[in-house]
PDB file of N, CA and C in Angstrom:
ATOM      1  N   MET A   1     -39.462 108.773 -94.476  1.00  0.00           N
ATOM      2  CA  MET A   1     -38.791 107.949 -95.437  1.00  0.00           C
ATOM      3  C   MET A   1     -39.415 108.143 -96.825  1.00  0.00           C
ATOM      4  N   LYS A   2     -40.731 108.286 -96.872  1.00  0.00           N
ATOM      5  CA  LYS A   2     -41.406 108.463 -98.159  1.00  0.00           C
ATOM      6  C   LYS A   2     -40.934 109.744 -98.840  1.00  0.00           C
ATOM      7  N   ALA A   3     -40.778 110.811 -98.082  1.00  0.00           N
ATOM      8  CA  ALA A   3     -40.305 112.066 -98.673  1.00  0.00           C
ATOM      9  C   ALA A   3     -38.894 111.895 -99.234  1.00  0.00           C
ATOM     10  N   TRP A   4     -38.032 111.161 -98.514  1.00  0.00           N
ATOM     11  CA  TRP A   4     -36.674 110.903 -99.004  1.00  0.00           C
ATOM     12  C   TRP A   4     -36.733 110.094-100.289  1.00  0.00           C
ATOM     13  N   GLN A   5     -37.562 109.053-100.314  1.00  0.00           N
ATOM     14  CA  GLN A   5     -37.689 108.243-101.523  1.00  0.00           C
ATOM     15  C   GLN A   5     -38.121 109.113-102.700  1.00  0.00           C
ATOM     16  N   ASP A   6     -39.126 109.939-102.468  1.00  0.00           N
ATOM     17  CA  ASP A   6     -39.612 110.797-103.551  1.00  0.00           C
ATOM     18  C   ASP A   6     -38.535 111.762-104.027  1.00  0.00           C
ATOM     19  N   ALA A   7     -37.850 112.398-103.093  1.00  0.00           N
ATOM     20  CA  ALA A   7     -36.848 113.399-103.463  1.00  0.00           C
ATOM     21  C   ALA A   7     -35.610 112.783-104.096  1.00  0.00           C
ATOM     22  N   VAL A   8     -35.090 111.740-103.487  1.00  0.00           N
ATOM     23  CA  VAL A   8     -33.815 111.175-103.931  1.00  0.00           C
ATOM     24  C   VAL A   8     -33.987 110.176-105.062  1.00  0.00           C
ATOM     25  N   LEU A   9     -34.828 109.181-104.852  1.00  0.00           N
ATOM     26  CA  LEU A   9     -34.928 108.116-105.848  1.00  0.00           C
ATOM     27  C   LEU A   9     -35.595 108.577-107.137  1.00  0.00           C
ATOM     28  N   THR A  10     -36.590 109.445-107.035  1.00  0.00           N
ATOM     29  CA  THR A  10     -37.213 109.960-108.259  1.00  0.00           C
ATOM     30  C   THR A  10     -36.177 110.692-109.091  1.00  0.00           C
ATOM     31  N   ARG A  11     -35.398 111.528-108.452  1.00  0.00           N
ATOM     32  CA  ARG A  11     -34.351 112.247-109.183  1.00  0.00           C
ATOM     33  C   ARG A  11     -33.330 111.277-109.770  1.00  0.00           C
ATOM     34  N   MET A  12     -32.838 110.374-108.935  1.00  0.00           N
ATOM     35  CA  MET A  12     -31.749 109.502-109.374  1.00  0.00           C
ATOM     36  C   MET A  12     -32.165 108.511-110.453  1.00  0.00           C
ATOM     37  N   PHE A  13     -33.378 108.000-110.386  1.00  0.00           N
ATOM     38  CA  PHE A  13     -33.758 106.936-111.310  1.00  0.00           C
ATOM     39  C   PHE A  13     -34.658 107.387-112.445  1.00  0.00           C
ATOM     40  N   TYR A  14     -35.242 108.565-112.354  1.00  0.00           N
ATOM     41  CA  TYR A  14     -36.099 109.022-113.439  1.00  0.00           C
ATOM     42  C   TYR A  14     -35.587 110.286-114.111  1.00  0.00           C
ATOM     43  N   LEU A  15     -34.933 111.150-113.371  1.00  0.00           N
ATOM     44  CA  LEU A  15     -34.484 112.414-113.948  1.00  0.00           C
ATOM     45  C   LEU A  15     -33.006 112.414-114.307  1.00  0.00           C
ATOM     46  N   ALA A  16     -32.195 111.708-113.532  1.00  0.00           N
ATOM     47  CA  ALA A  16     -30.745 111.745-113.755  1.00  0.00           C
ATOM     48  C   ALA A  16     -30.154 110.336-113.683  1.00  0.00           C
ATOM     49  N   TYR A  17     -30.778 109.399-114.362  1.00  0.00           N
ATOM     50  CA  TYR A  17     -30.340 108.009-114.271  1.00  0.00           C
ATOM     51  C   TYR A  17     -28.887 107.834-114.696  1.00  0.00           C
ATOM     52  N   GLU A  18     -28.513 108.358-115.834  1.00  0.00           N
ATOM     53  CA  GLU A  18     -27.161 108.129-116.366  1.00  0.00           C
ATOM     54  C   GLU A  18     -26.065 108.695-115.469  1.00  0.00           C
ATOM     55  N   THR A  19     -26.324 109.817-114.843  1.00  0.00           N
ATOM     56  CA  THR A  19     -25.281 110.442-114.025  1.00  0.00           C
ATOM     57  C   THR A  19     -25.381 110.098-112.540  1.00  0.00           C
ATOM     58  N   GLU A  20     -26.540 109.632-112.083  1.00  0.00           N
ATOM     59  CA  GLU A  20     -26.712 109.345-110.657  1.00  0.00           C
ATOM     60  C   GLU A  20     -27.284 107.957-110.378  1.00  0.00           C
ATOM     61  N   GLY A  21     -28.414 107.648-110.952  1.00  0.00           N
ATOM     62  CA  GLY A  21     -29.139 106.421-110.629  1.00  0.00           C
ATOM     63  C   GLY A  21     -28.361 105.157-110.887  1.00  0.00           C
ATOM     64  N   ARG A  22     -27.695 105.089-112.007  1.00  0.00           N
ATOM     65  CA  ARG A  22     -26.967 103.858-112.339  1.00  0.00           C
ATOM     66  C   ARG A  22     -25.834 103.592-111.365  1.00  0.00           C
ATOM     67  N   LEU A  23     -25.386 104.639-110.668  1.00  0.00           N
ATOM     68  CA  LEU A  23     -24.305 104.471-109.698  1.00  0.00           C
ATOM     69  C   LEU A  23     -24.743 103.679-108.462  1.00  0.00           C
ATOM     70  N   LEU A  24     -26.044 103.650-108.199  1.00  0.00           N
ATOM     71  CA  LEU A  24     -26.551 102.907-107.042  1.00  0.00           C
ATOM     72  C   LEU A  24     -26.839 101.446-107.350  1.00  0.00           C
ATOM     73  N   GLU A  25     -27.027 101.104-108.600  1.00  0.00           N
ATOM     74  CA  GLU A  25     -27.400  99.739-108.957  1.00  0.00           C
ATOM     75  C   GLU A  25     -26.403  98.740-108.394  1.00  0.00           C
ATOM     76  N   GLY A  26     -26.935  97.678-107.805  1.00  0.00           N
ATOM     77  CA  GLY A  26     -26.098  96.651-107.210  1.00  0.00           C
ATOM     78  C   GLY A  26     -25.675  96.944-105.783  1.00  0.00           C
ATOM     79  N   THR A  27     -26.009  98.117-105.275  1.00  0.00           N
ATOM     80  CA  THR A  27     -25.659  98.463-103.899  1.00  0.00           C
ATOM     81  C   THR A  27     -26.477  97.597-102.939  1.00  0.00           C
ATOM     82  N   PRO A  28     -25.835  96.993-101.962  1.00  0.00           N
ATOM     83  CA  PRO A  28     -26.583  96.168-101.010  1.00  0.00           C
ATOM     84  C   PRO A  28     -27.369  97.027-100.021  1.00  0.00           C
ATOM     85  N   VAL A  29     -28.516  96.513 -99.598  1.00  0.00           N
ATOM     86  CA  VAL A  29     -29.346  97.220 -98.623  1.00  0.00           C
ATOM     87  C   VAL A  29     -29.900  96.195 -97.626  1.00  0.00           C
ATOM     88  N   MET A  30     -29.825  96.553 -96.340  1.00  0.00           N
ATOM     89  CA  MET A  30     -30.398  95.712 -95.291  1.00  0.00           C
ATOM     90  C   MET A  30     -31.216  96.600 -94.362  1.00  0.00           C
ATOM     91  N   ILE A  31     -32.469  96.266 -94.216  1.00  0.00           N
ATOM     92  CA  ILE A  31     -33.377  97.009 -93.350  1.00  0.00           C
ATOM     93  C   ILE A  31     -33.260  96.487 -91.920  1.00  0.00           C
ATOM     94  N   ALA A  32     -33.226  97.385 -90.959  1.00  0.00           N
ATOM     95  CA  ALA A  32     -33.338  97.040 -89.543  1.00  0.00           C
ATOM     96  C   ALA A  32     -34.586  97.748 -89.035  1.00  0.00           C
ATOM     97  N   ALA A  33     -35.500  96.987 -88.426  1.00  0.00           N
ATOM     98  CA  ALA A  33     -36.770  97.566 -87.997  1.00  0.00           C
ATOM     99  C   ALA A  33     -37.171  97.018 -86.635  1.00  0.00           C
ATOM    100  N   THR A  34     -37.911  97.825 -85.906  1.00  0.00           N
ATOM    101  CA  THR A  34     -38.490  97.368 -84.651  1.00  0.00           C
ATOM    102  C   THR A  34     -39.994  97.255 -84.837  1.00  0.00           C
ATOM    103  N   ALA A  35     -40.577  96.297 -84.126  1.00  0.00           N
ATOM    104  CA  ALA A  35     -42.020  96.082 -84.164  1.00  0.00           C
ATOM    105  C   ALA A  35     -42.514  96.048 -82.721  1.00  0.00           C
ATOM    106  N   GLY A  36     -43.643  96.625 -82.487  1.00  0.00           N
ATOM    107  CA  GLY A  36     -44.134  96.733 -81.124  1.00  0.00           C
ATOM    108  C   GLY A  36     -44.846  95.507 -80.591  1.00  0.00           C
ATOM    109  N   ASN A  37     -45.146  94.551 -81.451  1.00  0.00           N
ATOM    110  CA  ASN A  37     -45.913  93.396 -81.016  1.00  0.00           C
ATOM    111  C   ASN A  37     -45.068  92.133 -81.059  1.00  0.00           C
ATOM    112  N   VAL A  38     -45.647  91.026 -80.634  1.00  0.00           N
ATOM    113  CA  VAL A  38     -44.970  89.728 -80.656  1.00  0.00           C
ATOM    114  C   VAL A  38     -44.945  89.195 -82.086  1.00  0.00           C
ATOM    115  N   PRO A  39     -43.990  88.328 -82.421  1.00  0.00           N
ATOM    116  CA  PRO A  39     -43.904  87.809 -83.792  1.00  0.00           C
ATOM    117  C   PRO A  39     -45.199  87.176 -84.288  1.00  0.00           C
ATOM    118  N   ASP A  40     -45.924  86.475 -83.404  1.00  0.00           N
ATOM    119  CA  ASP A  40     -47.148  85.795 -83.818  1.00  0.00           C
ATOM    120  C   ASP A  40     -48.237  86.767 -84.282  1.00  0.00           C
ATOM    121  N   ALA A  41     -48.145  88.014 -83.877  1.00  0.00           N
ATOM    122  CA  ALA A  41     -49.137  89.005 -84.308  1.00  0.00           C
ATOM    123  C   ALA A  41     -48.963  89.372 -85.780  1.00  0.00           C
ATOM    124  N   TYR A  42     -47.775  89.110 -86.319  1.00  0.00           N
ATOM    125  CA  TYR A  42     -47.465  89.476 -87.704  1.00  0.00           C
ATOM    126  C   TYR A  42     -47.615  88.252 -88.603  1.00  0.00           C
ATOM    127  N   ARG A  43     -48.879  87.866 -88.794  1.00  0.00           N
ATOM    128  CA  ARG A  43     -49.212  86.733 -89.656  1.00  0.00           C
ATOM    129  C   ARG A  43     -50.650  86.906 -90.112  1.00  0.00           C
ATOM    130  N   PRO A  44     -51.030  86.234 -91.201  1.00  0.00           N
ATOM    131  CA  PRO A  44     -52.444  86.273 -91.591  1.00  0.00           C
ATOM    132  C   PRO A  44     -53.296  85.742 -90.432  1.00  0.00           C
ATOM    133  N   GLY A  45     -54.293  86.492 -90.054  1.00  0.00           N
ATOM    134  CA  GLY A  45     -55.130  86.112 -88.922  1.00  0.00           C
ATOM    135  C   GLY A  45     -54.605  86.603 -87.586  1.00  0.00           C
ATOM    136  N   GLY A  46     -53.395  87.113 -87.563  1.00  0.00           N
ATOM    137  CA  GLY A  46     -52.829  87.663 -86.330  1.00  0.00           C
ATOM    138  C   GLY A  46     -53.357  89.069 -86.083  1.00  0.00           C
ATOM    139  N   ARG A  47     -53.018  89.619 -84.951  1.00  0.00           N
ATOM    140  CA  ARG A  47     -53.507  90.957 -84.578  1.00  0.00           C
ATOM    141  C   ARG A  47     -53.152  92.019 -85.624  1.00  0.00           C
ATOM    142  N   ASN A  48     -51.972  91.912 -86.222  1.00  0.00           N
ATOM    143  CA  ASN A  48     -51.560  92.888 -87.232  1.00  0.00           C
ATOM    144  C   ASN A  48     -51.913  92.451 -88.656  1.00  0.00           C
ATOM    145  N   MET A  49     -52.382  91.216 -88.812  1.00  0.00           N
ATOM    146  CA  MET A  49     -52.923  90.657 -90.055  1.00  0.00           C
ATOM    147  C   MET A  49     -51.893  90.369 -91.141  1.00  0.00           C
ATOM    148  N   PHE A  50     -50.787  91.037 -91.153  1.00  0.00           N
ATOM    149  CA  PHE A  50     -49.795  90.861 -92.210  1.00  0.00           C
ATOM    150  C   PHE A  50     -48.464  90.411 -91.625  1.00  0.00           C
ATOM    151  N   THR A  51     -47.711  89.650 -92.409  1.00  0.00           N
ATOM    152  CA  THR A  51     -46.359  89.274 -92.003  1.00  0.00           C
ATOM    153  C   THR A  51     -45.457  90.495 -92.129  1.00  0.00           C
ATOM    154  N   MET A  52     -44.333  90.462 -91.444  1.00  0.00           N
ATOM    155  CA  MET A  52     -43.365  91.550 -91.605  1.00  0.00           C
ATOM    156  C   MET A  52     -42.877  91.597 -93.050  1.00  0.00           C
ATOM    157  N   GLU A  53     -42.738  90.439 -93.670  1.00  0.00           N
ATOM    158  CA  GLU A  53     -42.331  90.402 -95.078  1.00  0.00           C
ATOM    159  C   GLU A  53     -43.323  91.179 -95.938  1.00  0.00           C
ATOM    160  N   ALA A  54     -44.619  90.999 -95.685  1.00  0.00           N
ATOM    161  CA  ALA A  54     -45.635  91.726 -96.447  1.00  0.00           C
ATOM    162  C   ALA A  54     -45.579  93.224 -96.151  1.00  0.00           C
ATOM    163  N   LEU A  55     -45.373  93.575 -94.884  1.00  0.00           N
ATOM    164  CA  LEU A  55     -45.307  94.991 -94.526  1.00  0.00           C
ATOM    165  C   LEU A  55     -44.087  95.681 -95.133  1.00  0.00           C
ATOM    166  N   LEU A  56     -43.009  94.922 -95.320  1.00  0.00           N
ATOM    167  CA  LEU A  56     -41.793  95.491 -95.911  1.00  0.00           C
ATOM    168  C   LEU A  56     -41.774  95.388 -97.434  1.00  0.00           C
ATOM    169  N   ALA A  57     -42.795  94.771 -98.016  1.00  0.00           N
ATOM    170  CA  ALA A  57     -42.829  94.569 -99.469  1.00  0.00           C
ATOM    171  C   ALA A  57     -42.665  95.864-100.272  1.00  0.00           C
ATOM    172  N   PRO A  58     -43.277  96.990 -99.886  1.00  0.00           N
ATOM    173  CA  PRO A  58     -43.055  98.217-100.661  1.00  0.00           C
ATOM    174  C   PRO A  58     -41.581  98.651-100.684  1.00  0.00           C
ATOM    175  N   LEU A  59     -40.884  98.480 -99.563  1.00  0.00           N
ATOM    176  CA  LEU A  59     -39.457  98.826 -99.543  1.00  0.00           C
ATOM    177  C   LEU A  59     -38.658  97.860-100.410  1.00  0.00           C
ATOM    178  N   ARG A  60     -39.033  96.588-100.356  1.00  0.00           N
ATOM    179  CA  ARG A  60     -38.334  95.599-101.183  1.00  0.00           C
ATOM    180  C   ARG A  60     -38.593  95.869-102.662  1.00  0.00           C
ATOM    181  N   ALA A  61     -39.819  96.247-102.996  1.00  0.00           N
ATOM    182  CA  ALA A  61     -40.145  96.575-104.385  1.00  0.00           C
ATOM    183  C   ALA A  61     -39.347  97.789-104.856  1.00  0.00           C
ATOM    184  N   THR A  62     -39.207  98.783-103.997  1.00  0.00           N
ATOM    185  CA  THR A  62     -38.411  99.961-104.344  1.00  0.00           C
ATOM    186  C   THR A  62     -36.954  99.575-104.554  1.00  0.00           C
ATOM    187  N   ALA A  63     -36.431  98.746-103.660  1.00  0.00           N
ATOM    188  CA  ALA A  63     -35.046  98.288-103.805  1.00  0.00           C
ATOM    189  C   ALA A  63     -34.871  97.537-105.122  1.00  0.00           C
ATOM    190  N   HIS A  64     -35.822  96.682-105.443  1.00  0.00           N
ATOM    191  CA  HIS A  64     -35.753  95.925-106.700  1.00  0.00           C
ATOM    192  C   HIS A  64     -35.766  96.870-107.899  1.00  0.00           C
ATOM    193  N   ARG A  65     -36.674  97.831-107.878  1.00  0.00           N
ATOM    194  CA  ARG A  65     -36.791  98.775-108.998  1.00  0.00           C
ATOM    195  C   ARG A  65     -35.513  99.581-109.185  1.00  0.00           C
ATOM    196  N   CYS A  66     -34.828  99.854-108.092  1.00  0.00           N
ATOM    197  CA  CYS A  66     -33.598 100.642-108.148  1.00  0.00           C
ATOM    198  C   CYS A  66     -32.357  99.770-108.355  1.00  0.00           C
ATOM    199  N   GLY A  67     -32.565  98.466-108.464  1.00  0.00           N
ATOM    200  CA  GLY A  67     -31.436  97.572-108.695  1.00  0.00           C
ATOM    201  C   GLY A  67     -30.576  97.342-107.467  1.00  0.00           C
ATOM    202  N   LEU A  68     -31.155  97.518-106.285  1.00  0.00           N
ATOM    203  CA  LEU A  68     -30.413  97.320-105.044  1.00  0.00           C
ATOM    204  C   LEU A  68     -30.473  95.852-104.632  1.00  0.00           C
ATOM    205  N   ASP A  69     -29.429  95.374-103.992  1.00  0.00           N
ATOM    206  CA  ASP A  69     -29.330  93.987-103.550  1.00  0.00           C
ATOM    207  C   ASP A  69     -29.941  93.859-102.160  1.00  0.00           C
ATOM    208  N   TRP A  70     -31.167  93.314-102.086  1.00  0.00           N
ATOM    209  CA  TRP A  70     -31.932  93.202-100.842  1.00  0.00           C
ATOM    210  C   TRP A  70     -31.397  92.065 -99.981  1.00  0.00           C
ATOM    211  N   ALA A  71     -31.186  92.332 -98.713  1.00  0.00           N
ATOM    212  CA  ALA A  71     -30.750  91.307 -97.762  1.00  0.00           C
ATOM    213  C   ALA A  71     -31.866  91.035 -96.756  1.00  0.00           C
ATOM    214  N   GLN A  72     -31.768  89.920 -96.083  1.00  0.00           N
ATOM    215  CA  GLN A  72     -32.744  89.567 -95.050  1.00  0.00           C
ATOM    216  C   GLN A  72     -32.767  90.663 -93.983  1.00  0.00           C
ATOM    217  N   PRO A  73     -33.948  91.247 -93.701  1.00  0.00           N
ATOM    218  CA  PRO A  73     -34.030  92.313 -92.699  1.00  0.00           C
ATOM    219  C   PRO A  73     -33.753  91.803 -91.280  1.00  0.00           C
ATOM    220  N   PHE A  74     -33.323  92.715 -90.420  1.00  0.00           N
ATOM    221  CA  PHE A  74     -33.194  92.437 -88.992  1.00  0.00           C
ATOM    222  C   PHE A  74     -34.428  93.037 -88.335  1.00  0.00           C
ATOM    223  N   ILE A  75     -35.245  92.194 -87.703  1.00  0.00           N
ATOM    224  CA  ILE A  75     -36.479  92.654 -87.062  1.00  0.00           C
ATOM    225  C   ILE A  75     -36.388  92.369 -85.566  1.00  0.00           C
ATOM    226  N   LEU A  76     -36.702  93.358 -84.764  1.00  0.00           N
ATOM    227  CA  LEU A  76     -36.755  93.196 -83.313  1.00  0.00           C
ATOM    228  C   LEU A  76     -38.204  93.404 -82.878  1.00  0.00           C
ATOM    229  N   TYR A  77     -38.817  92.348 -82.364  1.00  0.00           N
ATOM    230  CA  TYR A  77     -40.213  92.390 -81.920  1.00  0.00           C
ATOM    231  C   TYR A  77     -40.301  92.818 -80.459  1.00  0.00           C
ATOM    232  N   ARG A  78     -41.442  93.408 -80.089  1.00  0.00           N
ATOM    233  CA  ARG A  78     -41.718  93.875 -78.724  1.00  0.00           C
ATOM    234  C   ARG A  78     -40.640  94.839 -78.232  1.00  0.00           C
ATOM    235  N   ALA A  79     -40.098  95.609 -79.122  1.00  0.00           N
ATOM    236  CA  ALA A  79     -38.940  96.457 -78.814  1.00  0.00           C
ATOM    237  C   ALA A  79     -39.186  97.394 -77.632  1.00  0.00           C
ATOM    238  N   ASP A  80     -40.396  97.884 -77.491  1.00  0.00           N
ATOM    239  CA  ASP A  80     -40.679  98.831 -76.410  1.00  0.00           C
ATOM    240  C   ASP A  80     -40.941  98.146 -75.063  1.00  0.00           C
ATOM    241  N   LYS A  81     -40.952  96.811 -75.051  1.00  0.00           N
ATOM    242  CA  LYS A  81     -41.252  96.086 -73.816  1.00  0.00           C
ATOM    243  C   LYS A  81     -40.086  95.220 -73.335  1.00  0.00           C
ATOM    244  N   LEU A  82     -38.964  95.285 -73.997  1.00  0.00           N
ATOM    245  CA  LEU A  82     -37.836  94.422 -73.668  1.00  0.00           C
ATOM    246  C   LEU A  82     -36.982  95.008 -72.545  1.00  0.00           C
ATOM    247  N   SER A  83     -36.399  94.131 -71.754  1.00  0.00           N
ATOM    248  CA  SER A  83     -35.504  94.566 -70.676  1.00  0.00           C
ATOM    249  C   SER A  83     -34.199  95.086 -71.278  1.00  0.00           C
ATOM    250  N   ASP A  84     -33.456  95.808 -70.469  1.00  0.00           N
ATOM    251  CA  ASP A  84     -32.159  96.311 -70.925  1.00  0.00           C
ATOM    252  C   ASP A  84     -31.246  95.161 -71.349  1.00  0.00           C
ATOM    253  N   GLU A  85     -31.288  94.069 -70.598  1.00  0.00           N
ATOM    254  CA  GLU A  85     -30.449  92.912 -70.919  1.00  0.00           C
ATOM    255  C   GLU A  85     -30.842  92.303 -72.272  1.00  0.00           C
ATOM    256  N   THR A  86     -32.129  92.178 -72.505  1.00  0.00           N
ATOM    257  CA  THR A  86     -32.602  91.617 -73.773  1.00  0.00           C
ATOM    258  C   THR A  86     -32.281  92.556 -74.928  1.00  0.00           C
ATOM    259  N   LEU A  87     -32.404  93.856 -74.688  1.00  0.00           N
ATOM    260  CA  LEU A  87     -32.035  94.824 -75.728  1.00  0.00           C
ATOM    261  C   LEU A  87     -30.545  94.738 -76.045  1.00  0.00           C
ATOM    262  N   GLU A  88     -29.732  94.562 -75.014  1.00  0.00           N
ATOM    263  CA  GLU A  88     -28.285  94.411 -75.213  1.00  0.00           C
ATOM    264  C   GLU A  88     -27.995  93.171 -76.059  1.00  0.00           C
ATOM    265  N   GLU A  89     -28.667  92.062 -75.754  1.00  0.00           N
ATOM    266  CA  GLU A  89     -28.494  90.829 -76.532  1.00  0.00           C
ATOM    267  C   GLU A  89     -28.935  91.039 -77.979  1.00  0.00           C
ATOM    268  N   ALA A  90     -30.046  91.744 -78.155  1.00  0.00           N
ATOM    269  CA  ALA A  90     -30.530  92.031 -79.509  1.00  0.00           C
ATOM    270  C   ALA A  90     -29.523  92.897 -80.259  1.00  0.00           C
ATOM    271  N   GLY A  91     -28.934  93.848 -79.564  1.00  0.00           N
ATOM    272  CA  GLY A  91     -27.905  94.686 -80.183  1.00  0.00           C
ATOM    273  C   GLY A  91     -26.709  93.866 -80.630  1.00  0.00           C
ATOM    274  N   GLN A  92     -26.343  92.881 -79.827  1.00  0.00           N
ATOM    275  CA  GLN A  92     -25.232  92.002 -80.198  1.00  0.00           C
ATOM    276  C   GLN A  92     -25.597  91.135 -81.408  1.00  0.00           C
ATOM    277  N   ARG A  93     -26.847  90.638 -81.440  1.00  0.00           N
ATOM    278  CA  ARG A  93     -27.293  89.851 -82.609  1.00  0.00           C
ATOM    279  C   ARG A  93     -27.296  90.717 -83.868  1.00  0.00           C
ATOM    280  N   TYR A  94     -27.757  91.956 -83.712  1.00  0.00           N
ATOM    281  CA  TYR A  94     -27.775  92.869 -84.857  1.00  0.00           C
ATOM    282  C   TYR A  94     -26.354  93.154 -85.339  1.00  0.00           C
ATOM    283  N   ALA A  95     -25.451  93.412 -84.411  1.00  0.00           N
ATOM    284  CA  ALA A  95     -24.055  93.676 -84.784  1.00  0.00           C
ATOM    285  C   ALA A  95     -23.456  92.479 -85.510  1.00  0.00           C
ATOM    286  N   ALA A  96     -23.768  91.275 -85.038  1.00  0.00           N
ATOM    287  CA  ALA A  96     -23.257  90.066 -85.696  1.00  0.00           C
ATOM    288  C   ALA A  96     -23.845  89.920 -87.096  1.00  0.00           C
ATOM    289  N   GLN A  97     -25.170  90.129 -87.222  1.00  0.00           N
ATOM    290  CA  GLN A  97     -25.805  90.025 -88.542  1.00  0.00           C
ATOM    291  C   GLN A  97     -25.255  91.095 -89.476  1.00  0.00           C
ATOM    292  N   LEU A  98     -25.076  92.293 -88.965  1.00  0.00           N
ATOM    293  CA  LEU A  98     -24.539  93.381 -89.770  1.00  0.00           C
ATOM    294  C   LEU A  98     -23.108  93.074 -90.207  1.00  0.00           C
ATOM    295  N   GLY A  99     -22.302  92.541 -89.306  1.00  0.00           N
ATOM    296  CA  GLY A  99     -20.928  92.179 -89.654  1.00  0.00           C
ATOM    297  C   GLY A  99     -20.876  91.124 -90.740  1.00  0.00           C
ATOM    298  N   THR A 100     -21.729  90.110 -90.628  1.00  0.00           N
ATOM    299  CA  THR A 100     -21.803  89.064 -91.657  1.00  0.00           C
ATOM    300  C   THR A 100     -22.238  89.656 -92.985  1.00  0.00           C
ATOM    301  N   TRP A 101     -23.235  90.527 -92.933  1.00  0.00           N
ATOM    302  CA  TRP A 101     -23.750  91.162 -94.150  1.00  0.00           C
ATOM    303  C   TRP A 101     -22.670  92.021 -94.804  1.00  0.00           C
ATOM    304  N   ILE A 102     -21.945  92.778 -94.009  1.00  0.00           N
ATOM    305  CA  ILE A 102     -20.881  93.630 -94.557  1.00  0.00           C
ATOM    306  C   ILE A 102     -19.804  92.777 -95.211  1.00  0.00           C
ATOM    307  N   ALA A 103     -19.411  91.708 -94.545  1.00  0.00           N
ATOM    308  CA  ALA A 103     -18.376  90.834 -95.112  1.00  0.00           C
ATOM    309  C   ALA A 103     -18.850  90.203 -96.417  1.00  0.00           C
ATOM    310  N   ARG A 104     -20.118  89.798 -96.453  1.00  0.00           N
ATOM    311  CA  ARG A 104     -20.667  89.150 -97.644  1.00  0.00           C
ATOM    312  C   ARG A 104     -20.822  90.137 -98.793  1.00  0.00           C
ATOM    313  N   THR A 105     -21.204  91.359 -98.472  1.00  0.00           N
ATOM    314  CA  THR A 105     -21.508  92.316 -99.531  1.00  0.00           C
ATOM    315  C   THR A 105     -20.312  93.138 -99.978  1.00  0.00           C
ATOM    316  N   SER A 106     -19.263  93.209 -99.188  1.00  0.00           N
ATOM    317  CA  SER A 106     -18.149  94.089 -99.553  1.00  0.00           C
ATOM    318  C   SER A 106     -17.531  93.693-100.887  1.00  0.00           C
ATOM    319  N   HIS A 107     -17.431  92.413-101.165  1.00  0.00           N
ATOM    320  CA  HIS A 107     -16.869  91.980-102.444  1.00  0.00           C
ATOM    321  C   HIS A 107     -17.818  92.308-103.595  1.00  0.00           C
ATOM    322  N   ALA A 108     -19.102  92.071-103.383  1.00  0.00           N
ATOM    323  CA  ALA A 108     -20.087  92.370-104.423  1.00  0.00           C
ATOM    324  C   ALA A 108     -20.138  93.866-104.688  1.00  0.00           C
ATOM    325  N   GLU A 109     -20.073  94.671-103.623  1.00  0.00           N
ATOM    326  CA  GLU A 109     -20.122  96.119-103.784  1.00  0.00           C
ATOM    327  C   GLU A 109     -18.891  96.624-104.536  1.00  0.00           C
ATOM    328  N   ALA A 110     -17.744  96.035-104.278  1.00  0.00           N
ATOM    329  CA  ALA A 110     -16.525  96.432-104.987  1.00  0.00           C
ATOM    330  C   ALA A 110     -16.658  96.131-106.478  1.00  0.00           C
ATOM    331  N   ARG A 111     -17.242  94.978-106.805  1.00  0.00           N
ATOM    332  CA  ARG A 111     -17.461  94.647-108.221  1.00  0.00           C
ATOM    333  C   ARG A 111     -18.433  95.637-108.854  1.00  0.00           C
ATOM    334  N   THR A 112     -19.495  95.976-108.116  1.00  0.00           N
ATOM    335  CA  THR A 112     -20.484  96.920-108.626  1.00  0.00           C
ATOM    336  C   THR A 112     -19.851  98.280-108.869  1.00  0.00           C
ATOM    337  N   ALA A 113     -19.058  98.748-107.928  1.00  0.00           N
ATOM    338  CA  ALA A 113     -18.419 100.058-108.063  1.00  0.00           C
ATOM    339  C   ALA A 113     -17.506 100.085-109.281  1.00  0.00           C
ATOM    340  N   SER A 114     -16.776  99.018-109.522  1.00  0.00           N
ATOM    341  CA  SER A 114     -15.852  99.009-110.660  1.00  0.00           C
ATOM    342  C   SER A 114     -16.599  99.047-111.987  1.00  0.00           C
ATOM    343  N   ARG A 115     -17.827  98.538-112.012  1.00  0.00           N
ATOM    344  CA  ARG A 115     -18.631  98.594-113.244  1.00  0.00           C
ATOM    345  C   ARG A 115     -18.915 100.032-113.644  1.00  0.00           C
ATOM    346  N   HIS A 116     -19.015 100.918-112.675  1.00  0.00           N
ATOM    347  CA  HIS A 116     -19.428 102.293-112.939  1.00  0.00           C
ATOM    348  C   HIS A 116     -18.263 103.241-113.213  1.00  0.00           C
ATOM    349  N   LEU A 117     -17.069 102.725-113.231  1.00  0.00           N
ATOM    350  CA  LEU A 117     -15.922 103.586-113.505  1.00  0.00           C
ATOM    351  C   LEU A 117     -15.838 103.965-114.976  1.00  0.00           C
ATOM    352  N   ALA A 118     -16.308 103.096-115.837  1.00  0.00           N
ATOM    353  CA  ALA A 118     -16.274 103.384-117.274  1.00  0.00           C
ATOM    354  C   ALA A 118     -17.536 104.150-117.659  1.00  0.00           C
ATOM    355  N   PRO A 119     -17.436 105.088-118.607  1.00  0.00           N
ATOM    356  CA  PRO A 119     -18.623 105.826-119.039  1.00  0.00           C
ATOM    357  C   PRO A 119     -19.598 104.906-119.770  1.00  0.00           C
ATOM    358  N   VAL A 120     -20.856 105.283-119.729  1.00  0.00           N
ATOM    359  CA  VAL A 120     -21.901 104.524-120.417  1.00  0.00           C
ATOM    360  C   VAL A 120     -21.741 104.697-121.918  1.00  0.00           C
ATOM    361  N   GLN A 121     -21.815 103.605-122.646  1.00  0.00           N
ATOM    362  CA  GLN A 121     -21.723 103.648-124.112  1.00  0.00           C
ATOM    363  C   GLN A 121     -23.125 103.759-124.693  1.00  0.00           C
ATOM    364  N   GLY A 122     -23.230 104.447-125.812  1.00  0.00           N
ATOM    365  CA  GLY A 122     -24.524 104.474-126.492  1.00  0.00           C
ATOM    366  C   GLY A 122     -25.066 105.797-126.526  1.00  0.00           C
TER     367      GLY A 122
END
């Protein structure tokens, strides 16, 4: 992911902002991640010492810098230890969260896209 960020975002936001980078501004982004431990491990003093929010902070900072609309991430804990049934339920929760996110963001994304149809003045 870091190589993609360096290759794509550096070009779009530092080298070709007017023709590429500004086209992404306002685009919604939602992270989906798996974690190998229990939720309680992701806290100050927990086994992993940091909250998931803290661990995702660099991605959120990148999204902010690029003008992306950050949404609440979908996190699945103990992903490698879950039963097939629990994984299926998690998949359904993810699909529901994703559907809600798409419905919520589709109007905002349409407004953002229309902003970029006109050439930049100045």
